[in-house]
Protein backbone atom coordinates (compact mmCIF):
# COMPACT_ATOMS: atom_id res chain seq x y z
CA UNK A 1 21.00 -5.85 19.33
CA UNK A 2 18.97 -5.91 16.13
CA UNK A 3 16.28 -3.77 17.76
CA UNK A 4 18.93 -1.21 18.76
CA UNK A 5 20.19 -1.07 15.17
CA UNK A 6 16.65 -0.60 13.90
CA UNK A 7 16.04 2.14 16.48
CA UNK A 8 19.14 4.04 15.30
CA UNK A 9 18.10 3.74 11.65
CA UNK A 10 14.65 5.07 12.57
CA UNK A 11 16.24 8.09 14.29
CA UNK A 12 18.16 8.82 11.09
CA UNK A 13 14.98 8.39 9.02
CA UNK A 14 12.89 10.75 11.13
CA UNK A 15 15.73 13.29 11.23
CA UNK A 16 16.13 13.40 7.46
CA UNK A 17 12.36 13.40 6.90
CA UNK A 18 11.82 16.36 9.23
CA UNK A 19 14.90 18.25 8.00
CA UNK A 20 14.79 17.56 4.26
CA UNK A 21 11.23 16.18 3.85
CA UNK A 22 12.59 13.01 2.29
CA UNK A 23 13.71 9.59 3.46
CA UNK A 24 16.64 8.72 1.19
CA UNK A 25 16.60 5.58 -0.93
CA UNK A 26 20.08 4.69 0.29
CA UNK A 27 18.64 4.43 3.80
CA UNK A 28 15.48 2.48 2.95
CA UNK A 29 17.04 0.11 0.43
CA UNK A 30 20.00 -0.50 2.78
CA UNK A 31 17.52 -1.37 5.52
CA UNK A 32 15.73 -3.83 3.22
CA UNK A 33 19.00 -5.40 2.08
CA UNK A 34 20.34 -5.61 5.64
CA UNK A 35 17.09 -7.23 6.80
CA UNK A 36 17.34 -9.95 4.17
CA UNK A 37 21.05 -10.58 4.85
CA UNK A 38 20.76 -10.61 8.66
CA UNK A 39 17.77 -12.96 8.59
CA UNK A 40 19.61 -15.23 6.15
CA UNK A 41 22.51 -15.28 8.61
CA UNK A 42 20.32 -15.82 11.69
CA UNK A 43 17.73 -18.27 10.29
CA UNK A 44 19.32 -19.74 7.20
CA UNK A 45 17.40 -19.95 3.93
CA UNK A 46 14.00 -19.64 5.66
CA UNK A 47 15.23 -16.24 6.86
CA UNK A 48 15.05 -14.90 3.31
CA UNK A 49 11.38 -15.87 3.07
CA UNK A 50 10.78 -14.36 6.54
CA UNK A 51 12.28 -11.06 5.36
CA UNK A 52 10.53 -11.01 2.00
CA UNK A 53 7.13 -11.67 3.60
CA UNK A 54 7.64 -8.74 5.96
CA UNK A 55 8.97 -6.51 3.20
CA UNK A 56 6.08 -7.17 0.82
CA UNK A 57 3.43 -6.98 3.53
CA UNK A 58 4.77 -3.54 4.50
CA UNK A 59 4.60 -2.47 0.86
CA UNK A 60 1.09 -3.83 0.35
CA UNK A 61 -0.41 -2.35 3.52
CA UNK A 62 0.87 1.17 2.81
CA UNK A 63 0.46 1.13 -0.97
CA UNK A 64 -3.10 2.53 -0.88
CA UNK A 65 -2.25 5.48 1.42
CA UNK A 66 0.67 6.25 -0.91
CA UNK A 67 -1.54 6.11 -4.01
CA UNK A 68 -4.08 8.42 -2.31
CA UNK A 69 -1.31 10.90 -1.46
CA UNK A 70 -1.39 10.37 2.30
CA UNK A 71 2.25 9.41 2.52
CA UNK A 72 5.39 9.49 0.44
CA UNK A 73 7.26 6.68 -1.23
CA UNK A 74 10.07 6.96 1.33
CA UNK A 75 7.59 6.26 4.12
CA UNK A 76 6.36 3.13 2.35
CA UNK A 77 9.91 1.92 1.72
CA UNK A 78 10.81 2.59 5.36
CA UNK A 79 7.94 0.36 6.52
CA UNK A 80 9.04 -2.28 4.00
CA UNK A 81 12.57 -2.10 5.44
CA UNK A 82 11.22 -2.57 8.95
CA UNK A 83 9.28 -5.57 7.65
CA UNK A 84 12.42 -7.02 6.07
CA UNK A 85 14.12 -6.98 9.46
CA UNK A 86 11.24 -7.92 11.77
CA UNK A 87 8.98 -10.05 9.56
CA UNK A 88 5.33 -10.08 8.51
CA UNK A 89 3.75 -10.64 11.94
CA UNK A 90 5.62 -7.68 13.41
CA UNK A 91 4.84 -5.38 10.47
CA UNK A 92 1.14 -6.29 10.58
CA UNK A 93 0.88 -5.32 14.25
CA UNK A 94 3.18 -2.34 13.70
CA UNK A 95 1.00 -1.03 10.87
CA UNK A 96 -1.98 -0.94 13.24
CA UNK A 97 0.00 1.14 15.72
CA UNK A 98 1.31 3.38 12.94
CA UNK A 99 -2.23 3.97 11.72
CA UNK A 100 -3.55 4.81 15.19
CA UNK A 101 -0.71 7.23 15.93
CA UNK A 102 -1.04 8.82 12.47
CA UNK A 103 -4.78 9.21 13.03
CA UNK A 104 -4.26 10.86 16.41
CA UNK A 105 -1.75 13.31 14.93
CA UNK A 106 -4.16 14.04 12.07
CA UNK A 107 -6.99 14.73 14.53
CA UNK A 108 -4.82 17.20 16.42
CA UNK A 109 -3.91 18.98 13.17
CA UNK A 110 -7.59 19.10 12.15
CA UNK A 111 -8.53 20.48 15.57
CA UNK A 112 -5.80 23.10 15.35
CA UNK A 113 -7.00 24.30 11.93
CA UNK A 114 -10.72 24.00 12.63
CA UNK A 115 -11.34 21.25 10.09
CA UNK A 116 -12.62 18.55 12.44
CA UNK A 117 -16.13 20.05 12.53
CA UNK A 118 -16.15 20.09 8.72
CA UNK A 119 -15.19 16.41 8.62
CA UNK A 120 -17.92 15.45 11.10
CA UNK A 121 -20.48 17.47 9.12
CA UNK A 122 -19.41 15.71 5.91
CA UNK A 123 -19.99 12.29 7.46
CA UNK A 124 -23.28 13.18 9.16
CA UNK A 125 -24.83 14.96 6.17
CA UNK A 126 -23.07 12.81 3.54
CA UNK A 127 -21.74 15.82 1.71
CA UNK A 128 -18.84 15.12 -0.70
CA UNK A 129 -15.43 15.28 0.91
CA UNK A 130 -13.78 17.26 -1.89
CA UNK A 131 -13.42 20.40 0.25
CA UNK A 132 -11.39 18.48 2.81
CA UNK A 133 -9.03 17.27 0.11
CA UNK A 134 -7.83 20.81 -0.52
CA UNK A 135 -4.78 20.48 1.67
CA UNK A 136 -2.70 23.37 2.82
CA UNK A 137 0.99 23.10 3.52
CA UNK A 138 0.50 23.34 7.29
CA UNK A 139 -2.09 20.52 7.22
CA UNK A 140 0.46 17.80 6.53
CA UNK A 141 3.22 16.19 8.56
CA UNK A 142 6.07 13.81 7.91
CA UNK A 143 4.60 10.32 8.23
CA UNK A 144 7.93 9.08 9.52
CA UNK A 145 6.75 10.39 12.91
CA UNK A 146 3.97 7.79 13.36
CA UNK A 147 6.11 5.11 11.67
CA UNK A 148 8.95 5.63 14.13
CA UNK A 149 6.73 6.09 17.19
CA UNK A 150 4.61 3.04 16.35
CA UNK A 151 7.65 0.88 15.75
CA UNK A 152 9.42 2.05 18.91
CA UNK A 153 6.32 1.40 21.00
CA UNK A 154 5.97 -2.10 19.60
CA UNK A 155 9.66 -2.82 20.16
CA UNK A 156 9.40 -1.62 23.76
CA UNK A 157 6.11 -3.24 24.77
CA UNK A 158 5.88 -6.49 22.85
């Protein structure tokens, strides 16, 4: 039942991210709060620690991509909310899936815009990557897509 609730919240998150390019704080903070409360109810006082470990691990793992501009704050808070519900072990494995799916989507975007060859040349010839950092609007995508897909896949196949 908890997985179904999380799945519905993720649908709302991806919808708002794609429509408005933002994941609202009321959604992410409610998810975090609900995760702490439900785990307190289900596991007692150790449930709070379970939730907080997942929440903070989600924040820590995705803090660097946020700082580098690869994802928005709403994406990071969404992952933290997932961690608050499912715990640190789940969010660690989930973050690997999120990263792989995000990387695959990025590769497709780079292929579509002809930037993959530039990236390979930069790595082979060790030329600075500053030209690749000049992003265009059509180069980016809502990171809620890999977050939701990675989480759904883990929920389905664990």
